Amino acid sequence: MNFEFSDEQQLLREQARGFLTEHCPTSAVRAVLDGDQDWDAALWQKVAEMGWTATVIPEALRWSGSELLRAGDYC
């Protein structure tokens, strides 16, 4: 079994790392954890705009894809 990232998966990983570095500093994570909201709606909107909310849906169901097995690897 090949556990190496494909070029597409590597690109997504790099994009996620850059996005999270820019938009999720420790202070932002603490604000959510210590606040009365369970999530940051503005941040979630940005994540959705990038199409990441569909990365765990099989390609056959969404027309572009990434395997469910790899979903955790991007983190």
C-alpha atoms as a PDB file:
ATOM      1  CA  MET A   1       0.000   0.000   0.000  1.00  0.00           C
ATOM      2  CA  ASN A   2       1.382   3.402  -0.989  1.00  0.00           C
ATOM      3  CA  PHE A   3       1.148   5.981   1.790  1.00  0.00           C
ATOM      4  CA  GLU A   4       2.925   8.781  -0.065  1.00  0.00           C
ATOM      5  CA  PHE A   5       0.999  11.941  -0.891  1.00  0.00           C
ATOM      6  CA  SER A   6       0.002  12.466  -4.510  1.00  0.00           C
ATOM      7  CA  ASP A   7       0.896  15.819  -6.074  1.00  0.00           C
ATOM      8  CA  GLU A   8      -2.706  16.962  -5.533  1.00  0.00           C
ATOM      9  CA  GLN A   9      -2.652  15.911  -1.889  1.00  0.00           C
ATOM     10  CA  GLN A  10       0.705  17.607  -1.312  1.00  0.00           C
ATOM     11  CA  LEU A  11      -0.661  20.833  -2.812  1.00  0.00           C
ATOM     12  CA  LEU A  12      -3.715  20.699  -0.553  1.00  0.00           C
ATOM     13  CA  ARG A  13      -1.495  20.050   2.456  1.00  0.00           C
ATOM     14  CA  GLU A  14       0.706  23.049   1.623  1.00  0.00           C
ATOM     15  CA  GLN A  15      -2.327  25.278   1.065  1.00  0.00           C
ATOM     16  CA  ALA A  16      -3.865  24.169   4.356  1.00  0.00           C
ATOM     17  CA  ARG A  17      -0.654  24.780   6.258  1.00  0.00           C
ATOM     18  CA  GLY A  18      -0.315  28.284   4.800  1.00  0.00           C
ATOM     19  CA  PHE A  19      -3.969  29.114   5.419  1.00  0.00           C
ATOM     20  CA  LEU A  20      -3.899  27.890   9.010  1.00  0.00           C
ATOM     21  CA  THR A  21      -0.633  29.696   9.719  1.00  0.00           C
ATOM     22  CA  GLU A  22      -2.188  32.934   8.480  1.00  0.00           C
ATOM     23  CA  HIS A  23      -5.709  32.600   9.877  1.00  0.00           C
ATOM     24  CA  CYS A  24      -5.352  30.405  12.959  1.00  0.00           C
ATOM     25  CA  PRO A  25      -2.635  31.698  15.245  1.00  0.00           C
ATOM     26  CA  THR A  26      -2.621  30.335  18.768  1.00  0.00           C
ATOM     27  CA  SER A  27      -4.480  33.429  19.965  1.00  0.00           C
ATOM     28  CA  ALA A  28      -7.383  32.747  17.576  1.00  0.00           C
ATOM     29  CA  VAL A  29      -7.612  29.124  18.662  1.00  0.00           C
ATOM     30  CA  ARG A  30      -7.558  30.168  22.330  1.00  0.00           C
ATOM     31  CA  ALA A  31     -10.301  32.740  21.715  1.00  0.00           C
ATOM     32  CA  VAL A  32     -12.590  30.004  20.394  1.00  0.00           C
ATOM     33  CA  LEU A  33     -11.628  27.511  23.097  1.00  0.00           C
ATOM     34  CA  ASP A  34     -12.028  30.042  25.903  1.00  0.00           C
ATOM     35  CA  GLY A  35     -15.070  31.806  24.461  1.00  0.00           C
ATOM     36  CA  ASP A  36     -18.742  30.987  24.463  1.00  0.00           C
ATOM     37  CA  GLN A  37     -18.819  29.998  20.782  1.00  0.00           C
ATOM     38  CA  ASP A  38     -17.771  26.546  19.611  1.00  0.00           C
ATOM     39  CA  TRP A  39     -16.488  27.774  16.261  1.00  0.00           C
ATOM     40  CA  ASP A  40     -15.516  30.876  14.293  1.00  0.00           C
ATOM     41  CA  ALA A  41     -18.178  31.472  11.632  1.00  0.00           C
ATOM     42  CA  ALA A  42     -15.992  33.827   9.579  1.00  0.00           C
ATOM     43  CA  LEU A  43     -13.136  31.326   9.528  1.00  0.00           C
ATOM     44  CA  TRP A  44     -15.491  28.492   8.588  1.00  0.00           C
ATOM     45  CA  GLN A  45     -16.809  30.598   5.699  1.00  0.00           C
ATOM     46  CA  LYS A  46     -13.246  31.020   4.399  1.00  0.00           C
ATOM     47  CA  VAL A  47     -12.670  27.267   4.713  1.00  0.00           C
ATOM     48  CA  ALA A  48     -15.883  26.581   2.777  1.00  0.00           C
ATOM     49  CA  GLU A  49     -14.923  29.074   0.065  1.00  0.00           C
ATOM     50  CA  MET A  50     -11.692  27.142  -0.460  1.00  0.00           C
ATOM     51  CA  GLY A  51     -13.709  23.949  -0.989  1.00  0.00           C
ATOM     52  CA  TRP A  52     -12.217  22.092   1.949  1.00  0.00           C
ATOM     53  CA  THR A  53     -15.560  21.109   3.432  1.00  0.00           C
ATOM     54  CA  ALA A  54     -15.959  18.607   0.586  1.00  0.00           C
ATOM     55  CA  THR A  55     -12.517  16.977   0.727  1.00  0.00           C
ATOM     56  CA  VAL A  56     -13.769  13.941   2.657  1.00  0.00           C
ATOM     57  CA  ILE A  57     -16.665  13.258   0.285  1.00  0.00           C
ATOM     58  CA  PRO A  58     -15.722  10.550  -2.230  1.00  0.00           C
ATOM     59  CA  GLU A  59     -14.995  11.777  -5.745  1.00  0.00           C
ATOM     60  CA  ALA A  60     -17.878   9.767  -7.195  1.00  0.00           C
ATOM     61  CA  LEU A  61     -20.264  11.828  -5.102  1.00  0.00           C
ATOM     62  CA  ARG A  62     -18.710  15.258  -5.590  1.00  0.00           C
ATOM     63  CA  TRP A  63     -16.778  15.262  -8.860  1.00  0.00           C
ATOM     64  CA  SER A  64     -13.333  16.144  -7.512  1.00  0.00           C
ATOM     65  CA  GLY A  65     -11.529  14.303  -4.972  1.00  0.00           C
ATOM     66  CA  SER A  66      -9.555  13.075  -2.137  1.00  0.00           C
ATOM     67  CA  GLU A  67      -9.905   9.829  -0.231  1.00  0.00           C
ATOM     68  CA  LEU A  68     -11.540   9.666   3.163  1.00  0.00           C
ATOM     69  CA  LEU A  69      -8.456   7.779   4.331  1.00  0.00           C
ATOM     70  CA  ARG A  70      -6.326  10.881   3.728  1.00  0.00           C
ATOM     71  CA  ALA A  71      -8.613  13.447   5.405  1.00  0.00           C
ATOM     72  CA  GLY A  72      -6.713  13.381   8.690  1.00  0.00           C
ATOM     73  CA  ASP A  73      -3.350  13.542   6.943  1.00  0.00           C
ATOM     74  CA  TYR A  74      -3.964  17.095   5.788  1.00  0.00           C
ATOM     75  CA  CYS A  75      -4.100  18.279   9.343  1.00  0.00           C
END
